[in-house]
Amino acid sequence: AALARSVAEAAAEAVASGGRFTLGLSGGSLVSLLARELPPALSALPGSDPSRWLVAFCDERLVPPEHPESTGGAYR
């Protein structure tokens, strides 16, 4: 929950100051943690506007998005 709050706070600050928030996401256990904790953190901080985010998936494996080990696929 603390990580999700930190992301939401950083997003709100970035959107307020520059109009955009950039975030790189890895896979693994982070996927389920953020899926569970980020929506409530964003709801509590409306200025973090996810439509103003640029999200990059950090994946060292060269697999298509449909592959079970794809980081982007896991977040979808």
Protein backbone atom coordinates (compact mmCIF):
# COMPACT_ATOMS: atom_id res chain seq x y z
CA ALA A 1 0.00 0.00 0.00
CA ALA A 2 2.89 2.37 0.76
CA LEU A 3 4.39 1.83 -2.69
CA ALA A 4 1.04 2.53 -4.37
CA ARG A 5 0.63 5.72 -2.33
CA SER A 6 4.15 6.81 -3.32
CA VAL A 7 3.37 6.22 -6.99
CA ALA A 8 0.10 8.15 -6.74
CA GLU A 9 1.79 11.04 -4.93
CA ALA A 10 4.66 11.19 -7.43
CA ALA A 11 2.13 11.09 -10.28
CA ALA A 12 0.06 13.93 -8.81
CA GLU A 13 3.18 16.05 -8.36
CA ALA A 14 4.46 15.33 -11.87
CA VAL A 15 1.08 16.00 -13.51
CA ALA A 16 0.72 19.26 -11.57
CA SER A 17 4.19 20.50 -12.46
CA GLY A 18 4.76 19.16 -15.95
CA GLY A 19 1.52 17.67 -17.18
CA ARG A 20 2.83 14.10 -17.45
CA PHE A 21 4.03 11.25 -15.24
CA THR A 22 6.40 8.59 -16.57
CA LEU A 23 6.58 5.19 -14.90
CA GLY A 24 8.60 2.07 -15.71
CA LEU A 25 7.09 -1.16 -14.42
CA SER A 26 8.75 -4.50 -13.92
CA GLY A 27 6.89 -7.77 -13.62
CA GLY A 28 6.84 -10.48 -10.99
CA SER A 29 5.05 -9.84 -7.72
CA LEU A 30 4.75 -6.12 -8.52
CA VAL A 31 1.89 -6.88 -10.94
CA SER A 32 -0.51 -8.26 -8.34
CA LEU A 33 0.58 -5.73 -5.71
CA LEU A 34 -0.16 -2.75 -7.94
CA ALA A 35 -3.36 -4.31 -9.31
CA ARG A 36 -4.63 -4.53 -5.73
CA GLU A 37 -3.22 -1.35 -4.17
CA LEU A 38 -2.94 1.26 -6.93
CA PRO A 39 -6.65 1.82 -7.73
CA PRO A 40 -7.55 2.84 -4.15
CA ALA A 41 -4.43 5.01 -3.91
CA LEU A 42 -5.39 6.80 -7.14
CA SER A 43 -8.97 7.26 -5.97
CA ALA A 44 -7.69 8.93 -2.82
CA LEU A 45 -5.55 11.34 -4.84
CA PRO A 46 -7.53 12.59 -7.88
CA GLY A 47 -4.66 14.80 -9.13
CA SER A 48 -2.70 11.70 -10.13
CA ASP A 49 -4.79 11.38 -13.37
CA PRO A 50 -3.67 8.12 -15.07
CA SER A 51 -4.65 9.51 -18.49
CA ARG A 52 -1.56 11.76 -18.17
CA TRP A 53 0.83 8.83 -17.56
CA LEU A 54 3.40 7.35 -19.91
CA VAL A 55 3.93 3.74 -18.79
CA ALA A 56 6.84 1.59 -19.96
CA PHE A 57 7.11 -2.11 -19.24
CA CYS A 58 10.62 -3.15 -18.28
CA ASP A 59 11.13 -6.71 -19.45
CA GLU A 60 14.48 -8.31 -20.18
CA ARG A 61 12.80 -11.18 -22.00
CA LEU A 62 12.01 -10.92 -25.69
CA VAL A 63 8.58 -12.49 -25.70
CA PRO A 64 5.38 -11.38 -27.44
CA PRO A 65 2.70 -9.66 -25.31
CA GLU A 66 0.53 -12.80 -25.47
CA HIS A 67 3.27 -14.96 -23.93
CA PRO A 68 2.60 -16.08 -20.31
CA GLU A 69 5.89 -14.51 -19.17
CA SER A 70 5.30 -11.12 -20.79
CA THR A 71 5.36 -8.21 -18.34
CA GLY A 72 3.04 -6.13 -20.53
CA GLY A 73 0.68 -9.05 -20.85
CA ALA A 74 0.61 -9.56 -17.09
CA TYR A 75 -0.49 -5.95 -16.53
CA ARG A 76 -3.20 -6.23 -19.18
